[in-house]
């Protein structure tokens, strides 16, 4: 049976982690299993987190930005 969408989703909440988010994304991309989607929820970062994520041209990566809502909202 064929399923719609990816086999599983990875969700990374982030806030002002431009210096770390690339390493996290690279780790996901490096996995041998490739039927996934990566959803990055940016909780109002003020640094260049968005720019770092924009460097990745992979249709499996989705970036969502929201105004800062504090802990656990993302």
Foldseek 3Di string as FASTA:
>chain_A
DDDPAFPEEAEAEDAQVLVCVLVVVVVLVPDPDDRYAYEYEYQAHPDVNVVSVVVDDDPRYHYHYDHHPDPPPD
